[in-house]
Amino acid sequence: MPIWSVDLKPRDDARLEALLAGEGVGRNVTLVVGDSQRGDLPEIGSFDLLFVDGDHSYEGCLGDLERFVPRLAPHGQIVLHDCRAESDVQRAVLDFARDTPLEVVRSPHVPRRHWLTPYGSMAHFVKPAHRLPALSSVRPRLVAAAVGVLSLLFFLAAILPEELGDKPYTVF
């Protein structure tokens, strides 16, 4: 299953690729240098998981959702980071979800003290095929793949800032 990572100004993709290779993962990861808000990005086709953690402005988050959710496969997973109370991300997610048929897996109503929750500041939706399916109808393999990809993303978010010389931080 291919994974595309879109970054406007990557700091050190060669080092990231070396870290992934050193862990024996990432052969299916394509690092795309580009702006998720502009340009065609023709290398990105249909996909099963959309993880949004880029531009944290209202317009940026809403733009990513409007641009990429239509490419998301039916029953595809949408996971958003930093969807906490009173944030621009939360406002964009709530506005988008109000006008788009999505099944809520993890509510976007994340409290301000999100670090005290078991899921941090994450919101999670499923894109229906034509109508809202029951959560039990979501394919287990797809959910397992989404969990695997999220685990990889959390691993990268936890080690990369320190590996690349940024100040360390926790994922949540």
C-alpha atoms as a PDB file:
ATOM      1  CA  MET A   1       0.000   0.000   0.000  1.00  0.00           C
ATOM      2  CA  PRO A   2       1.601   3.298  -1.040  1.00  0.00           C
ATOM      3  CA  ILE A   3       2.093   6.168   1.407  1.00  0.00           C
ATOM      4  CA  TRP A   4       2.579   9.737   0.217  1.00  0.00           C
ATOM      5  CA  SER A   5       3.928  12.426   2.522  1.00  0.00           C
ATOM      6  CA  VAL A   6       3.507  15.982   1.245  1.00  0.00           C
ATOM      7  CA  ASP A   7       5.871  18.573   2.714  1.00  0.00           C
ATOM      8  CA  LEU A   8       6.212  22.146   1.525  1.00  0.00           C
ATOM      9  CA  LYS A   9       9.766  22.669   2.793  1.00  0.00           C
ATOM     10  CA  PRO A  10      11.340  19.395   3.900  1.00  0.00           C
ATOM     11  CA  ARG A  11      14.427  19.814   6.039  1.00  0.00           C
ATOM     12  CA  ASP A  12      16.261  16.599   5.297  1.00  0.00           C
ATOM     13  CA  ASP A  13      14.414  13.992   3.233  1.00  0.00           C
ATOM     14  CA  ALA A  14      17.611  12.004   2.611  1.00  0.00           C
ATOM     15  CA  ARG A  15      18.105  11.580   6.355  1.00  0.00           C
ATOM     16  CA  LEU A  16      14.442  10.629   6.828  1.00  0.00           C
ATOM     17  CA  GLU A  17      14.736   8.005   4.103  1.00  0.00           C
ATOM     18  CA  ALA A  18      17.885   6.656   5.796  1.00  0.00           C
ATOM     19  CA  LEU A  19      16.069   6.474   9.160  1.00  0.00           C
ATOM     20  CA  LEU A  20      13.150   4.615   7.582  1.00  0.00           C
ATOM     21  CA  ALA A  21      15.505   2.217   5.805  1.00  0.00           C
ATOM     22  CA  GLY A  22      17.439   1.663   9.038  1.00  0.00           C
ATOM     23  CA  GLU A  23      14.186   0.566  10.698  1.00  0.00           C
ATOM     24  CA  GLY A  24      13.339  -1.677   7.736  1.00  0.00           C
ATOM     25  CA  VAL A  25      10.239   0.318   6.849  1.00  0.00           C
ATOM     26  CA  GLY A  26       9.233   2.902   4.318  1.00  0.00           C
ATOM     27  CA  ARG A  27       9.821   1.161   1.012  1.00  0.00           C
ATOM     28  CA  ASN A  28       6.256   2.182   0.146  1.00  0.00           C
ATOM     29  CA  VAL A  29       6.705   5.814   1.289  1.00  0.00           C
ATOM     30  CA  THR A  30       7.025   8.541  -1.338  1.00  0.00           C
ATOM     31  CA  LEU A  31       8.140  11.929  -0.043  1.00  0.00           C
ATOM     32  CA  VAL A  32       6.494  14.595  -2.183  1.00  0.00           C
ATOM     33  CA  VAL A  33       7.873  18.121  -2.087  1.00  0.00           C
ATOM     34  CA  GLY A  34       4.950  20.400  -2.739  1.00  0.00           C
ATOM     35  CA  ASP A  35       2.152  22.497  -1.366  1.00  0.00           C
ATOM     36  CA  SER A  36      -0.934  20.508  -0.425  1.00  0.00           C
ATOM     37  CA  GLN A  37      -2.976  23.654  -1.123  1.00  0.00           C
ATOM     38  CA  ARG A  38      -1.655  24.272  -4.634  1.00  0.00           C
ATOM     39  CA  GLY A  39      -0.385  22.315  -7.583  1.00  0.00           C
ATOM     40  CA  ASP A  40      -1.794  19.160  -9.068  1.00  0.00           C
ATOM     41  CA  LEU A  41       0.283  16.508  -7.206  1.00  0.00           C
ATOM     42  CA  PRO A  42      -0.502  13.954  -9.942  1.00  0.00           C
ATOM     43  CA  GLU A  43       1.587  11.254  -8.228  1.00  0.00           C
ATOM     44  CA  ILE A  44      -1.073  11.011  -5.520  1.00  0.00           C
ATOM     45  CA  GLY A  45      -3.998   8.887  -6.601  1.00  0.00           C
ATOM     46  CA  SER A  46      -6.765   7.302  -4.566  1.00  0.00           C
ATOM     47  CA  PHE A  47      -5.851   6.227  -1.037  1.00  0.00           C
ATOM     48  CA  ASP A  48      -7.320   4.578   2.076  1.00  0.00           C
ATOM     49  CA  LEU A  49      -6.008   6.846   4.849  1.00  0.00           C
ATOM     50  CA  LEU A  50      -5.750  10.623   5.054  1.00  0.00           C
ATOM     51  CA  PHE A  51      -3.702  11.916   7.993  1.00  0.00           C
ATOM     52  CA  VAL A  52      -3.914  15.715   8.254  1.00  0.00           C
ATOM     53  CA  ASP A  53      -1.237  17.445  10.332  1.00  0.00           C
ATOM     54  CA  GLY A  54      -0.004  20.282   8.186  1.00  0.00           C
ATOM     55  CA  ASP A  55      -1.177  23.862   7.981  1.00  0.00           C
ATOM     56  CA  HIS A  56      -2.911  24.531  11.304  1.00  0.00           C
ATOM     57  CA  SER A  57      -4.841  27.565  10.057  1.00  0.00           C
ATOM     58  CA  TYR A  58      -8.592  27.294   9.461  1.00  0.00           C
ATOM     59  CA  GLU A  59      -8.145  27.851   5.725  1.00  0.00           C
ATOM     60  CA  GLY A  60      -5.217  25.435   5.459  1.00  0.00           C
ATOM     61  CA  CYS A  61      -6.935  22.565   7.267  1.00  0.00           C
ATOM     62  CA  LEU A  62     -10.239  23.101   5.459  1.00  0.00           C
ATOM     63  CA  GLY A  63      -8.377  23.282   2.137  1.00  0.00           C
ATOM     64  CA  ASP A  64      -6.599  19.967   2.792  1.00  0.00           C
ATOM     65  CA  LEU A  65      -9.914  18.302   3.669  1.00  0.00           C
ATOM     66  CA  GLU A  66     -11.715  19.745   0.639  1.00  0.00           C
ATOM     67  CA  ARG A  67      -8.877  18.778  -1.678  1.00  0.00           C
ATOM     68  CA  PHE A  68      -8.062  15.283  -0.456  1.00  0.00           C
ATOM     69  CA  VAL A  69     -11.273  13.756   0.967  1.00  0.00           C
ATOM     70  CA  PRO A  70     -12.747  13.422  -2.560  1.00  0.00           C
ATOM     71  CA  ARG A  71      -9.690  11.277  -3.487  1.00  0.00           C
ATOM     72  CA  LEU A  72     -10.171   9.103  -0.408  1.00  0.00           C
ATOM     73  CA  ALA A  73     -11.515   5.638  -1.194  1.00  0.00           C
ATOM     74  CA  PRO A  74     -14.951   4.612   0.108  1.00  0.00           C
ATOM     75  CA  HIS A  75     -14.635   3.492   3.732  1.00  0.00           C
ATOM     76  CA  GLY A  76     -11.326   5.397   3.854  1.00  0.00           C
ATOM     77  CA  GLN A  77     -10.094   6.709   7.177  1.00  0.00           C
ATOM     78  CA  ILE A  78      -9.557  10.410   7.960  1.00  0.00           C
ATOM     79  CA  VAL A  79      -7.401  11.183  10.993  1.00  0.00           C
ATOM     80  CA  LEU A  80      -6.658  14.737  12.088  1.00  0.00           C
ATOM     81  CA  HIS A  81      -4.043  15.840  14.590  1.00  0.00           C
ATOM     82  CA  ASP A  82      -4.331  18.977  16.761  1.00  0.00           C
ATOM     83  CA  CYS A  83      -8.150  19.009  16.662  1.00  0.00           C
ATOM     84  CA  ARG A  84      -8.476  20.462  20.150  1.00  0.00           C
ATOM     85  CA  ALA A  85     -11.031  22.819  21.645  1.00  0.00           C
ATOM     86  CA  GLU A  86     -11.222  26.294  20.188  1.00  0.00           C
ATOM     87  CA  SER A  87      -8.445  25.705  17.649  1.00  0.00           C
ATOM     88  CA  ASP A  88      -8.617  26.668  13.973  1.00  0.00           C
ATOM     89  CA  VAL A  89      -8.190  22.985  13.117  1.00  0.00           C
ATOM     90  CA  GLN A  90     -11.240  22.036  15.190  1.00  0.00           C
ATOM     91  CA  ARG A  91     -13.336  24.819  13.644  1.00  0.00           C
ATOM     92  CA  ALA A  92     -12.354  23.688  10.123  1.00  0.00           C
ATOM     93  CA  VAL A  93     -13.060  20.029  10.909  1.00  0.00           C
ATOM     94  CA  LEU A  94     -16.468  20.818  12.423  1.00  0.00           C
ATOM     95  CA  ASP A  95     -17.434  22.990   9.451  1.00  0.00           C
ATOM     96  CA  PHE A  96     -16.261  20.378   6.943  1.00  0.00           C
ATOM     97  CA  ALA A  97     -17.983  17.507   8.781  1.00  0.00           C
ATOM     98  CA  ARG A  98     -21.226  19.489   9.017  1.00  0.00           C
ATOM     99  CA  ASP A  99     -21.440  19.646   5.208  1.00  0.00           C
ATOM    100  CA  THR A 100     -19.889  16.244   4.383  1.00  0.00           C
ATOM    101  CA  PRO A 101     -21.368  12.839   5.191  1.00  0.00           C
ATOM    102  CA  LEU A 102     -18.782  11.222   7.468  1.00  0.00           C
ATOM    103  CA  GLU A 103     -19.026   8.606  10.177  1.00  0.00           C
ATOM    104  CA  VAL A 104     -17.435   9.734  13.436  1.00  0.00           C
ATOM    105  CA  VAL A 105     -15.026   7.238  14.994  1.00  0.00           C
ATOM    106  CA  ARG A 106     -13.320   9.684  17.403  1.00  0.00           C
ATOM    107  CA  SER A 107     -15.189  12.918  18.010  1.00  0.00           C
ATOM    108  CA  PRO A 108     -13.641  16.192  16.860  1.00  0.00           C
ATOM    109  CA  HIS A 109     -14.909  17.703  20.124  1.00  0.00           C
ATOM    110  CA  VAL A 110     -11.538  17.273  21.827  1.00  0.00           C
ATOM    111  CA  PRO A 111     -11.182  19.082  25.162  1.00  0.00           C
ATOM    112  CA  ARG A 112      -8.697  21.878  25.680  1.00  0.00           C
ATOM    113  CA  ARG A 113      -6.762  19.577  28.070  1.00  0.00           C
ATOM    114  CA  HIS A 114      -6.387  16.947  25.331  1.00  0.00           C
ATOM    115  CA  TRP A 115      -3.195  15.485  26.812  1.00  0.00           C
ATOM    116  CA  LEU A 116      -5.333  13.962  29.580  1.00  0.00           C
ATOM    117  CA  THR A 117      -7.339  11.887  27.099  1.00  0.00           C
ATOM    118  CA  PRO A 118      -6.177   8.472  25.824  1.00  0.00           C
ATOM    119  CA  TYR A 119      -6.276   9.745  22.217  1.00  0.00           C
ATOM    120  CA  GLY A 120      -4.693  13.163  22.629  1.00  0.00           C
ATOM    121  CA  SER A 121      -5.842  15.731  20.105  1.00  0.00           C
ATOM    122  CA  MET A 122      -6.855  13.246  17.389  1.00  0.00           C
ATOM    123  CA  ALA A 123     -10.183  13.199  15.563  1.00  0.00           C
ATOM    124  CA  HIS A 124     -11.087  10.244  13.341  1.00  0.00           C
ATOM    125  CA  PHE A 125     -13.748   9.768  10.656  1.00  0.00           C
ATOM    126  CA  VAL A 126     -14.670   7.174   8.029  1.00  0.00           C
ATOM    127  CA  LYS A 127     -15.775   8.202   4.549  1.00  0.00           C
ATOM    128  CA  PRO A 128     -18.943   6.308   3.608  1.00  0.00           C
ATOM    129  CA  ALA A 129     -19.400   4.572   0.273  1.00  0.00           C
ATOM    130  CA  HIS A 130     -22.799   6.070  -0.614  1.00  0.00           C
ATOM    131  CA  ARG A 131     -24.544   6.132   2.699  1.00  0.00           C
ATOM    132  CA  LEU A 132     -23.233   5.999   6.231  1.00  0.00           C
ATOM    133  CA  PRO A 133     -22.197   2.408   6.996  1.00  0.00           C
ATOM    134  CA  ALA A 134     -22.271   0.913  10.446  1.00  0.00           C
ATOM    135  CA  LEU A 135     -18.829   1.035  12.041  1.00  0.00           C
ATOM    136  CA  SER A 136     -18.850  -2.767  12.202  1.00  0.00           C
ATOM    137  CA  SER A 137     -18.954  -2.865   8.380  1.00  0.00           C
ATOM    138  CA  VAL A 138     -15.561  -1.169   8.028  1.00  0.00           C
ATOM    139  CA  ARG A 139     -13.134  -3.768   6.743  1.00  0.00           C
ATOM    140  CA  PRO A 140     -10.888  -5.049   9.563  1.00  0.00           C
ATOM    141  CA  ARG A 141      -7.828  -5.137   7.268  1.00  0.00           C
ATOM    142  CA  LEU A 142      -8.333  -1.479   6.410  1.00  0.00           C
ATOM    143  CA  VAL A 143      -8.577  -0.541  10.068  1.00  0.00           C
ATOM    144  CA  ALA A 144      -5.478  -2.625  10.836  1.00  0.00           C
ATOM    145  CA  ALA A 145      -3.611  -0.879   8.011  1.00  0.00           C
ATOM    146  CA  ALA A 146      -4.718   2.519   9.313  1.00  0.00           C
ATOM    147  CA  VAL A 147      -3.520   1.635  12.804  1.00  0.00           C
ATOM    148  CA  GLY A 148      -0.187   0.479  11.366  1.00  0.00           C
ATOM    149  CA  VAL A 149       0.286   3.684   9.389  1.00  0.00           C
ATOM    150  CA  LEU A 150      -0.680   5.794  12.394  1.00  0.00           C
ATOM    151  CA  SER A 151       1.799   3.885  14.538  1.00  0.00           C
ATOM    152  CA  LEU A 152       4.520   4.631  11.992  1.00  0.00           C
ATOM    153  CA  LEU A 153       3.526   8.306  11.926  1.00  0.00           C
ATOM    154  CA  PHE A 154       3.555   8.526  15.726  1.00  0.00           C
ATOM    155  CA  PHE A 155       6.971   6.832  15.775  1.00  0.00           C
ATOM    156  CA  LEU A 156       8.289   9.341  13.257  1.00  0.00           C
ATOM    157  CA  ALA A 157       6.722  12.297  15.071  1.00  0.00           C
ATOM    158  CA  ALA A 158       8.343  11.162  18.314  1.00  0.00           C
ATOM    159  CA  ILE A 159      11.897  10.608  16.984  1.00  0.00           C
ATOM    160  CA  LEU A 160      12.329  12.906  14.000  1.00  0.00           C
ATOM    161  CA  PRO A 161      12.403  16.279  15.749  1.00  0.00           C
ATOM    162  CA  GLU A 162      15.155  15.026  18.044  1.00  0.00           C
ATOM    163  CA  GLU A 163      16.978  13.237  15.219  1.00  0.00           C
ATOM    164  CA  LEU A 164      16.830  16.336  13.027  1.00  0.00           C
ATOM    165  CA  GLY A 165      18.006  18.635  15.797  1.00  0.00           C
ATOM    166  CA  ASP A 166      14.707  20.232  16.794  1.00  0.00           C
ATOM    167  CA  LYS A 167      13.607  20.463  20.401  1.00  0.00           C
ATOM    168  CA  PRO A 168      12.020  17.168  21.499  1.00  0.00           C
ATOM    169  CA  TYR A 169       8.297  17.082  22.105  1.00  0.00           C
ATOM    170  CA  THR A 170       5.667  14.489  22.828  1.00  0.00           C
ATOM    171  CA  VAL A 171       3.161  13.479  20.193  1.00  0.00           C
ATOM    172  CA  PHE A 172       0.254  14.427  22.432  1.00  0.00           C
END
